[in-house]
Amino acid sequence: MADKKVICPECGKKLSWRGLHGHLRFEHGLDSDSATVIMARIEPFRDLTVEERLEVLVQRIEDLVADDEAECVEDEPDGSGWF
């Protein structure tokens, strides 16, 4: 059975699942632990449809924006943020 292909989150290259760890380590200079963390984030995507993947990514983006906005408000002495 052929190994499923995944997209490297660093460069966008299409690789086999098994080859991604080495690619992250040797092409992008990550240590083994960092490569494993990135792969753990990708794992849930392997069996999702394109639409389901997009939904997950949009949710992650919304979460990051919300976190960033909260940090901006906290950074200002008067709590006004930069908005």
C-alpha atoms as a PDB file:
ATOM      1  CA  MET A   1       0.000   0.000   0.000  1.00  0.00           C
ATOM      2  CA  ALA A   2       1.339   3.404  -0.953  1.00  0.00           C
ATOM      3  CA  ASP A   3       2.069   5.857   1.821  1.00  0.00           C
ATOM      4  CA  LYS A   4      -0.233   8.894   1.783  1.00  0.00           C
ATOM      5  CA  LYS A   5       1.267  12.146   0.613  1.00  0.00           C
ATOM      6  CA  VAL A   6       1.402  15.179   2.878  1.00  0.00           C
ATOM      7  CA  ILE A   7       2.443  18.781   2.311  1.00  0.00           C
ATOM      8  CA  CYS A   8       5.432  20.127   4.203  1.00  0.00           C
ATOM      9  CA  PRO A   9       4.170  23.088   6.259  1.00  0.00           C
ATOM     10  CA  GLU A  10       7.540  24.813   5.910  1.00  0.00           C
ATOM     11  CA  CYS A  11       8.001  24.780   2.125  1.00  0.00           C
ATOM     12  CA  GLY A  12       4.892  23.221   0.574  1.00  0.00           C
ATOM     13  CA  LYS A  13       6.719  20.251  -0.934  1.00  0.00           C
ATOM     14  CA  LYS A  14       4.623  17.079  -1.336  1.00  0.00           C
ATOM     15  CA  LEU A  15       6.198  14.131   0.496  1.00  0.00           C
ATOM     16  CA  SER A  16       5.313  10.719   1.829  1.00  0.00           C
ATOM     17  CA  TRP A  17       4.213  10.673   5.449  1.00  0.00           C
ATOM     18  CA  ARG A  18       7.233   8.600   6.387  1.00  0.00           C
ATOM     19  CA  GLY A  19       9.616  10.943   4.578  1.00  0.00           C
ATOM     20  CA  LEU A  20       8.335  14.138   6.175  1.00  0.00           C
ATOM     21  CA  HIS A  21      10.218  13.737   9.471  1.00  0.00           C
ATOM     22  CA  GLY A  22      13.589  13.427   7.744  1.00  0.00           C
ATOM     23  CA  HIS A  23      12.733  16.240   5.351  1.00  0.00           C
ATOM     24  CA  LEU A  24      11.947  18.569   8.264  1.00  0.00           C
ATOM     25  CA  ARG A  25      15.179  17.619   9.987  1.00  0.00           C
ATOM     26  CA  PHE A  26      17.582  17.704   7.079  1.00  0.00           C
ATOM     27  CA  GLU A  27      16.067  20.264   4.713  1.00  0.00           C
ATOM     28  CA  HIS A  28      14.795  22.710   7.328  1.00  0.00           C
ATOM     29  CA  GLY A  29      17.320  22.106  10.113  1.00  0.00           C
ATOM     30  CA  LEU A  30      14.819  21.142  12.806  1.00  0.00           C
ATOM     31  CA  ASP A  31      15.787  18.827  15.627  1.00  0.00           C
ATOM     32  CA  SER A  32      13.952  15.531  16.026  1.00  0.00           C
ATOM     33  CA  ASP A  33      11.638  16.806  18.768  1.00  0.00           C
ATOM     34  CA  SER A  34      10.566  19.851  16.747  1.00  0.00           C
ATOM     35  CA  ALA A  35       9.922  17.708  13.667  1.00  0.00           C
ATOM     36  CA  THR A  36       7.820  15.328  15.780  1.00  0.00           C
ATOM     37  CA  VAL A  37       5.729  18.225  17.119  1.00  0.00           C
ATOM     38  CA  ILE A  38       5.044  19.454  13.585  1.00  0.00           C
ATOM     39  CA  MET A  39       4.106  15.951  12.475  1.00  0.00           C
ATOM     40  CA  ALA A  40       1.696  15.622  15.419  1.00  0.00           C
ATOM     41  CA  ARG A  41      -0.100  18.711  14.143  1.00  0.00           C
ATOM     42  CA  ILE A  42      -0.371  17.226  10.649  1.00  0.00           C
ATOM     43  CA  GLU A  43      -1.483  13.722  11.693  1.00  0.00           C
ATOM     44  CA  PRO A  44      -5.190  14.561  12.132  1.00  0.00           C
ATOM     45  CA  PHE A  45      -5.293  15.919   8.569  1.00  0.00           C
ATOM     46  CA  ARG A  46      -4.256  12.700   6.893  1.00  0.00           C
ATOM     47  CA  ASP A  47      -7.758  11.247   6.607  1.00  0.00           C
ATOM     48  CA  LEU A  48      -9.759  14.465   6.147  1.00  0.00           C
ATOM     49  CA  THR A  49     -11.298  15.739   2.932  1.00  0.00           C
ATOM     50  CA  VAL A  50     -10.077  19.020   1.483  1.00  0.00           C
ATOM     51  CA  GLU A  51     -13.166  20.810   2.819  1.00  0.00           C
ATOM     52  CA  GLU A  52     -12.630  19.417   6.313  1.00  0.00           C
ATOM     53  CA  ARG A  53      -8.970  20.450   6.229  1.00  0.00           C
ATOM     54  CA  LEU A  54      -9.939  23.990   5.262  1.00  0.00           C
ATOM     55  CA  GLU A  55     -12.451  24.178   8.112  1.00  0.00           C
ATOM     56  CA  VAL A  56      -9.772  23.137  10.612  1.00  0.00           C
ATOM     57  CA  LEU A  57      -7.266  25.632   9.201  1.00  0.00           C
ATOM     58  CA  VAL A  58      -9.777  28.491   9.241  1.00  0.00           C
ATOM     59  CA  GLN A  59     -10.553  27.690  12.879  1.00  0.00           C
ATOM     60  CA  ARG A  60      -6.834  27.718  13.726  1.00  0.00           C
ATOM     61  CA  ILE A  61      -6.424  31.095  12.015  1.00  0.00           C
ATOM     62  CA  GLU A  62      -9.397  32.523  13.912  1.00  0.00           C
ATOM     63  CA  ASP A  63      -7.922  31.230  17.177  1.00  0.00           C
ATOM     64  CA  LEU A  64      -4.535  32.793  16.386  1.00  0.00           C
ATOM     65  CA  VAL A  65      -6.130  36.140  15.524  1.00  0.00           C
ATOM     66  CA  ALA A  66      -8.144  36.090  18.758  1.00  0.00           C
ATOM     67  CA  ASP A  67      -5.004  35.284  20.763  1.00  0.00           C
ATOM     68  CA  ASP A  68      -3.076  38.060  19.017  1.00  0.00           C
ATOM     69  CA  GLU A  69      -5.835  40.593  19.645  1.00  0.00           C
ATOM     70  CA  ALA A  70      -5.934  39.625  23.325  1.00  0.00           C
ATOM     71  CA  GLU A  71      -2.158  40.077  23.594  1.00  0.00           C
ATOM     72  CA  CYS A  72      -2.333  43.498  21.938  1.00  0.00           C
ATOM     73  CA  VAL A  73      -4.878  44.740  24.456  1.00  0.00           C
ATOM     74  CA  GLU A  74      -2.794  43.371  27.322  1.00  0.00           C
ATOM     75  CA  ASP A  75       0.355  45.066  25.984  1.00  0.00           C
ATOM     76  CA  GLU A  76      -1.089  48.573  26.194  1.00  0.00           C
ATOM     77  CA  PRO A  77      -0.882  50.248  29.640  1.00  0.00           C
ATOM     78  CA  ASP A  78      -4.429  51.571  29.327  1.00  0.00           C
ATOM     79  CA  GLY A  79      -5.740  48.294  27.848  1.00  0.00           C
ATOM     80  CA  SER A  80      -6.747  50.000  24.613  1.00  0.00           C
ATOM     81  CA  GLY A  81      -4.639  47.802  22.334  1.00  0.00           C
ATOM     82  CA  TRP A  82      -3.663  49.004  18.915  1.00  0.00           C
ATOM     83  CA  PHE A  83      -7.097  48.878  17.317  1.00  0.00           C
END
